[in-house]
Amino acid sequence: MSRRKTIQIVEERTWLSEAVPWQWIHVRTAEGATACKLLETDAKQFVAVVQQSRLLQGIAAEYAKQLYTALTGSTNSMVMHY
């Protein structure tokens, strides 16, 4: 199966981001034509920090539900509540 190469231009002063801060399988690549800044988070450390706070757990769960809906078009989310 061949993949068609798609080029998406990210304009200056805009963000390019992975969909979620949790563990993720990368299926595409990104290349910078000029110097840029990169921020990387550690998924295991992110989860450890979120688990320490009910507030952060609620924010993360709501984010996950909204992301699921945006990606699938379905509101039948399987996201667990804390």
N, C-alpha and C. Protein backbone atom coordinates (compact mmCIF):
# COMPACT_ATOMS: atom_id res chain seq x y z
N MET A 1 0.84 -1.17 0.00
CA MET A 1 0.00 0.00 0.00
C MET A 1 0.90 1.24 0.00
N SER A 2 0.70 2.11 -0.96
CA SER A 2 1.50 3.33 -1.01
C SER A 2 0.72 4.49 -0.41
N ARG A 3 1.45 5.34 0.25
CA ARG A 3 0.84 6.54 0.83
C ARG A 3 1.16 7.72 -0.05
N ARG A 4 0.18 8.53 -0.25
CA ARG A 4 0.38 9.76 -1.00
C ARG A 4 1.00 10.79 -0.07
N LYS A 5 2.04 11.44 -0.50
CA LYS A 5 2.70 12.46 0.32
C LYS A 5 1.86 13.73 0.31
N THR A 6 1.52 14.18 1.50
CA THR A 6 0.75 15.41 1.65
C THR A 6 1.63 16.45 2.31
N ILE A 7 1.63 17.62 1.75
CA ILE A 7 2.40 18.72 2.33
C ILE A 7 1.43 19.73 2.91
N GLN A 8 1.63 20.03 4.18
CA GLN A 8 0.81 21.03 4.87
C GLN A 8 1.75 22.12 5.36
N ILE A 9 1.57 23.32 4.90
CA ILE A 9 2.41 24.44 5.31
C ILE A 9 1.89 24.99 6.64
N VAL A 10 2.79 25.11 7.61
CA VAL A 10 2.46 25.72 8.90
C VAL A 10 3.07 27.11 8.89
N GLU A 11 2.23 28.10 8.92
CA GLU A 11 2.69 29.48 8.81
C GLU A 11 3.45 29.93 10.05
N GLU A 12 4.23 30.96 9.89
CA GLU A 12 4.99 31.54 10.98
C GLU A 12 4.06 31.92 12.13
N ARG A 13 4.55 31.69 13.35
CA ARG A 13 3.85 32.03 14.59
C ARG A 13 2.58 31.20 14.81
N THR A 14 2.54 30.00 14.26
CA THR A 14 1.45 29.06 14.52
C THR A 14 2.04 27.78 15.11
N TRP A 15 1.16 26.92 15.61
CA TRP A 15 1.57 25.71 16.29
C TRP A 15 1.34 24.48 15.43
N LEU A 16 2.24 23.54 15.56
CA LEU A 16 2.06 22.20 15.02
C LEU A 16 2.15 21.28 16.22
N SER A 17 1.15 20.43 16.42
CA SER A 17 1.09 19.67 17.65
C SER A 17 0.57 18.26 17.44
N GLU A 18 1.03 17.35 18.28
CA GLU A 18 0.43 16.02 18.34
C GLU A 18 -0.96 16.19 18.94
N ALA A 19 -1.81 15.23 18.70
CA ALA A 19 -3.19 15.34 19.18
C ALA A 19 -3.31 15.21 20.69
N VAL A 20 -2.48 14.42 21.30
CA VAL A 20 -2.63 14.16 22.74
C VAL A 20 -1.28 14.09 23.43
N PRO A 21 -1.25 14.38 24.72
CA PRO A 21 0.00 14.27 25.46
C PRO A 21 0.27 12.85 25.95
N TRP A 22 -0.68 11.96 25.79
CA TRP A 22 -0.47 10.58 26.22
C TRP A 22 0.34 9.83 25.18
N GLN A 23 0.68 8.59 25.47
CA GLN A 23 1.46 7.80 24.52
C GLN A 23 0.73 7.72 23.20
N TRP A 24 1.46 7.83 22.13
CA TRP A 24 0.87 8.01 20.81
C TRP A 24 1.75 7.30 19.78
N ILE A 25 1.16 6.78 18.75
CA ILE A 25 1.91 6.18 17.66
C ILE A 25 2.07 7.23 16.57
N HIS A 26 3.29 7.55 16.21
CA HIS A 26 3.55 8.56 15.19
C HIS A 26 3.36 7.95 13.81
N VAL A 27 2.57 8.59 12.97
CA VAL A 27 2.32 8.08 11.62
C VAL A 27 2.75 9.05 10.53
N ARG A 28 3.24 10.18 10.89
CA ARG A 28 3.69 11.18 9.92
C ARG A 28 5.00 11.79 10.40
N THR A 29 5.59 12.59 9.56
CA THR A 29 6.80 13.32 9.94
C THR A 29 6.58 14.81 9.71
N ALA A 30 7.41 15.60 10.35
CA ALA A 30 7.37 17.05 10.15
C ALA A 30 8.80 17.53 9.92
N GLU A 31 8.94 18.44 9.01
CA GLU A 31 10.25 19.01 8.71
C GLU A 31 10.14 20.52 8.76
N GLY A 32 11.14 21.14 9.34
CA GLY A 32 11.17 22.59 9.41
C GLY A 32 12.04 23.17 8.30
N ALA A 33 11.53 24.17 7.62
CA ALA A 33 12.31 24.84 6.57
C ALA A 33 13.22 25.90 7.18
N THR A 34 12.86 26.36 8.37
CA THR A 34 13.67 27.34 9.08
C THR A 34 13.78 26.90 10.54
N ALA A 35 14.55 27.63 11.31
CA ALA A 35 14.71 27.31 12.73
C ALA A 35 13.36 27.40 13.45
N CYS A 36 13.14 26.48 14.38
CA CYS A 36 11.89 26.49 15.14
C CYS A 36 12.17 25.98 16.55
N LYS A 37 11.19 26.07 17.40
CA LYS A 37 11.31 25.60 18.77
C LYS A 37 10.50 24.31 18.91
N LEU A 38 11.02 23.39 19.70
CA LEU A 38 10.35 22.12 19.91
C LEU A 38 10.15 21.90 21.40
N LEU A 39 8.95 21.54 21.77
CA LEU A 39 8.63 21.21 23.15
C LEU A 39 8.19 19.76 23.18
N GLU A 40 8.83 18.98 24.01
CA GLU A 40 8.49 17.57 24.12
C GLU A 40 8.13 17.28 25.57
N THR A 41 7.07 16.50 25.77
CA THR A 41 6.70 16.10 27.11
C THR A 41 6.87 14.59 27.26
N ASP A 42 7.14 14.15 28.46
CA ASP A 42 7.29 12.74 28.76
C ASP A 42 5.91 12.21 29.17
N ALA A 43 5.37 11.26 28.41
CA ALA A 43 4.01 10.76 28.66
C ALA A 43 3.87 10.16 30.05
N LYS A 44 4.83 9.37 30.48
CA LYS A 44 4.73 8.73 31.80
C LYS A 44 4.77 9.77 32.92
N GLN A 45 5.62 10.77 32.77
CA GLN A 45 5.69 11.83 33.77
C GLN A 45 4.42 12.67 33.76
N PHE A 46 3.88 12.92 32.58
CA PHE A 46 2.62 13.66 32.47
C PHE A 46 1.51 12.94 33.24
N VAL A 47 1.39 11.64 33.01
CA VAL A 47 0.36 10.86 33.69
C VAL A 47 0.58 10.87 35.20
N ALA A 48 1.83 10.74 35.63
CA ALA A 48 2.13 10.75 37.06
C ALA A 48 1.71 12.06 37.72
N VAL A 49 1.95 13.18 37.04
CA VAL A 49 1.56 14.48 37.58
C VAL A 49 0.04 14.62 37.61
N VAL A 50 -0.62 14.23 36.52
CA VAL A 50 -2.08 14.35 36.45
C VAL A 50 -2.74 13.51 37.55
N GLN A 51 -2.21 12.35 37.82
CA GLN A 51 -2.80 11.46 38.82
C GLN A 51 -2.73 12.03 40.24
N GLN A 52 -1.93 13.04 40.46
CA GLN A 52 -1.78 13.64 41.79
C GLN A 52 -2.86 14.68 42.09
N SER A 53 -3.68 15.01 41.12
CA SER A 53 -4.64 16.10 41.31
C SER A 53 -6.00 15.75 40.70
N ARG A 54 -7.03 15.80 41.53
CA ARG A 54 -8.39 15.58 41.01
C ARG A 54 -8.75 16.61 39.95
N LEU A 55 -8.32 17.84 40.14
CA LEU A 55 -8.61 18.90 39.17
C LEU A 55 -7.99 18.56 37.82
N LEU A 56 -6.70 18.20 37.83
CA LEU A 56 -6.03 17.86 36.58
C LEU A 56 -6.63 16.60 35.95
N GLN A 57 -7.06 15.65 36.77
CA GLN A 57 -7.71 14.45 36.23
C GLN A 57 -8.98 14.82 35.48
N GLY A 58 -9.76 15.72 36.06
CA GLY A 58 -11.00 16.16 35.42
C GLY A 58 -10.73 16.89 34.11
N ILE A 59 -9.72 17.76 34.12
CA ILE A 59 -9.36 18.50 32.90
C ILE A 59 -8.89 17.53 31.83
N ALA A 60 -8.03 16.58 32.20
CA ALA A 60 -7.51 15.61 31.24
C ALA A 60 -8.63 14.73 30.69
N ALA A 61 -9.56 14.31 31.53
CA ALA A 61 -10.67 13.47 31.08
C ALA A 61 -11.57 14.24 30.11
N GLU A 62 -11.85 15.50 30.41
CA GLU A 62 -12.69 16.30 29.52
C GLU A 62 -11.99 16.54 28.19
N TYR A 63 -10.69 16.81 28.24
CA TYR A 63 -9.91 16.99 27.01
C TYR A 63 -9.97 15.72 26.16
N ALA A 64 -9.80 14.57 26.80
CA ALA A 64 -9.83 13.30 26.08
C ALA A 64 -11.19 13.06 25.43
N LYS A 65 -12.26 13.38 26.14
CA LYS A 65 -13.61 13.22 25.57
C LYS A 65 -13.81 14.12 24.36
N GLN A 66 -13.40 15.37 24.49
CA GLN A 66 -13.56 16.31 23.38
C GLN A 66 -12.69 15.92 22.18
N LEU A 67 -11.49 15.44 22.45
CA LEU A 67 -10.61 14.99 21.37
C LEU A 67 -11.22 13.78 20.66
N TYR A 68 -11.73 12.83 21.43
CA TYR A 68 -12.37 11.64 20.86
C TYR A 68 -13.52 12.05 19.93
N THR A 69 -14.34 12.97 20.41
CA THR A 69 -15.47 13.45 19.60
C THR A 69 -14.98 14.13 18.34
N ALA A 70 -13.95 14.96 18.45
CA ALA A 70 -13.42 15.67 17.29
C ALA A 70 -12.83 14.71 16.26
N LEU A 71 -12.16 13.67 16.73
CA LEU A 71 -11.51 12.74 15.81
C LEU A 71 -12.46 11.74 15.18
N THR A 72 -13.50 11.35 15.92
CA THR A 72 -14.39 10.30 15.44
C THR A 72 -15.75 10.80 15.01
N GLY A 73 -16.13 11.99 15.44
CA GLY A 73 -17.46 12.50 15.16
C GLY A 73 -18.53 11.85 16.04
N SER A 74 -18.10 11.05 16.99
CA SER A 74 -19.03 10.33 17.86
C SER A 74 -18.93 10.87 19.28
N THR A 75 -20.05 10.96 19.96
CA THR A 75 -20.04 11.36 21.36
C THR A 75 -20.10 10.14 22.28
N ASN A 76 -20.07 8.94 21.70
CA ASN A 76 -20.11 7.71 22.47
C ASN A 76 -18.70 7.37 22.92
N SER A 77 -18.15 8.19 23.79
CA SER A 77 -16.78 8.05 24.24
C SER A 77 -16.63 6.93 25.26
N MET A 78 -15.49 6.27 25.20
CA MET A 78 -15.19 5.22 26.16
C MET A 78 -14.24 5.74 27.22
N VAL A 79 -14.13 7.05 27.36
CA VAL A 79 -13.23 7.66 28.34
C VAL A 79 -13.80 7.44 29.74
N MET A 80 -12.96 6.94 30.62
CA MET A 80 -13.42 6.66 31.99
C MET A 80 -13.36 7.93 32.83
N HIS A 81 -14.30 8.03 33.75
CA HIS A 81 -14.30 9.15 34.70
C HIS A 81 -13.52 8.76 35.94
N TYR A 82 -12.84 9.71 36.55
CA TYR A 82 -12.09 9.45 37.78
C TYR A 82 -12.98 9.65 38.96
